[in-house]
């Protein structure tokens, strides 16, 4: 399994960002999870409590900013690659 492109964590919440290569360039998917401990160890869920909502929104905002910067870097990299090939 491939590694995530980036992770952002605060407390029990985490955003995992995955890079998905495609012909027309990369696209990114984001998953917001909350960690919790059981007798068997740590688990993750995508179910949030009301206390998680504001922190989750902030994490998603940070993820959006990171993805936008990556998309711009990807575009610049493709442009440079196309110029070198000419």
Protein backbone atom coordinates (compact mmCIF):
# COMPACT_ATOMS: atom_id res chain seq x y z
CA UNK A 1 0.00 0.00 0.00
CA UNK A 2 1.32 3.45 -0.85
CA UNK A 3 2.15 6.06 1.75
CA UNK A 4 -0.02 9.12 2.28
CA UNK A 5 1.26 12.36 0.76
CA UNK A 6 0.74 14.23 4.03
CA UNK A 7 -0.83 13.95 7.50
CA UNK A 8 -2.00 16.70 9.83
CA UNK A 9 -2.94 15.89 13.42
CA UNK A 10 -4.39 17.69 16.40
CA UNK A 11 -5.28 15.73 19.51
CA UNK A 12 -7.23 12.62 18.53
CA UNK A 13 -8.13 14.00 15.09
CA UNK A 14 -6.11 13.43 11.95
CA UNK A 15 -6.41 14.38 8.31
CA UNK A 16 -4.69 12.02 5.88
CA UNK A 17 -4.07 13.31 2.35
CA UNK A 18 -3.53 10.86 -0.50
CA UNK A 19 -1.93 11.72 -3.87
CA UNK A 20 -3.65 10.03 -6.80
CA UNK A 21 -1.70 10.16 -10.07
CA UNK A 22 -3.68 10.55 -13.30
CA UNK A 23 -2.93 11.32 -16.95
CA UNK A 24 -3.89 14.98 -16.60
CA UNK A 25 -2.01 15.41 -13.32
CA UNK A 26 -2.32 14.46 -9.70
CA UNK A 27 -5.50 14.76 -7.71
CA UNK A 28 -5.81 14.50 -3.96
CA UNK A 29 -8.25 12.85 -1.60
CA UNK A 30 -8.61 13.63 2.10
CA UNK A 31 -9.84 11.52 5.00
CA UNK A 32 -10.68 12.93 8.44
CA UNK A 33 -10.51 10.41 11.30
CA UNK A 34 -10.62 10.35 15.09
CA UNK A 35 -8.44 7.95 17.02
CA UNK A 36 -9.66 6.14 20.11
CA UNK A 37 -8.21 3.47 22.37
CA UNK A 38 -9.76 0.08 23.04
CA UNK A 39 -8.55 -2.89 25.07
CA UNK A 40 -7.02 -4.23 21.84
CA UNK A 41 -5.11 -1.03 21.01
CA UNK A 42 -5.72 2.09 18.96
CA UNK A 43 -8.50 2.29 16.37
CA UNK A 44 -9.76 4.97 14.00
CA UNK A 45 -13.28 6.08 13.12
CA UNK A 46 -14.74 8.66 10.78
CA UNK A 47 -17.54 9.32 13.27
CA UNK A 48 -17.07 12.63 15.12
CA UNK A 49 -18.59 13.97 18.30
CA UNK A 50 -19.85 17.52 18.63
CA UNK A 51 -16.62 18.46 20.43
CA UNK A 52 -14.62 17.37 17.35
CA UNK A 53 -16.41 19.55 14.81
CA UNK A 54 -14.51 22.83 15.15
CA UNK A 55 -11.11 21.13 15.33
CA UNK A 56 -12.10 18.93 12.37
CA UNK A 57 -13.09 22.00 10.37
CA UNK A 58 -9.70 23.59 11.12
CA UNK A 59 -7.88 20.43 10.02
CA UNK A 60 -9.87 20.35 6.79
CA UNK A 61 -8.99 24.02 6.21
CA UNK A 62 -5.29 23.21 6.68
CA UNK A 63 -5.66 20.21 4.35
CA UNK A 64 -7.27 22.43 1.71
CA UNK A 65 -4.37 24.89 1.91
CA UNK A 66 -1.82 22.08 1.64
CA UNK A 67 -3.59 20.52 -1.37
CA UNK A 68 -3.85 23.90 -3.15
CA UNK A 69 -0.10 24.46 -2.72
CA UNK A 70 0.61 20.93 -3.99
CA UNK A 71 -1.61 21.38 -7.04
CA UNK A 72 0.26 24.59 -7.89
CA UNK A 73 3.61 22.84 -7.44
CA UNK A 74 2.37 19.96 -9.61
CA UNK A 75 1.33 22.42 -12.36
CA UNK A 76 4.70 24.17 -12.26
CA UNK A 77 6.48 20.81 -12.40
CA UNK A 78 4.43 19.69 -15.42
CA UNK A 79 5.07 22.99 -17.20
CA UNK A 80 8.81 22.74 -16.58
CA UNK A 81 8.80 19.13 -17.76
CA UNK A 82 6.94 20.08 -20.95
CA UNK A 83 9.43 22.89 -21.65
CA UNK A 84 12.39 20.52 -21.23
CA UNK A 85 10.83 18.00 -23.65
CA UNK A 86 10.42 20.61 -26.42
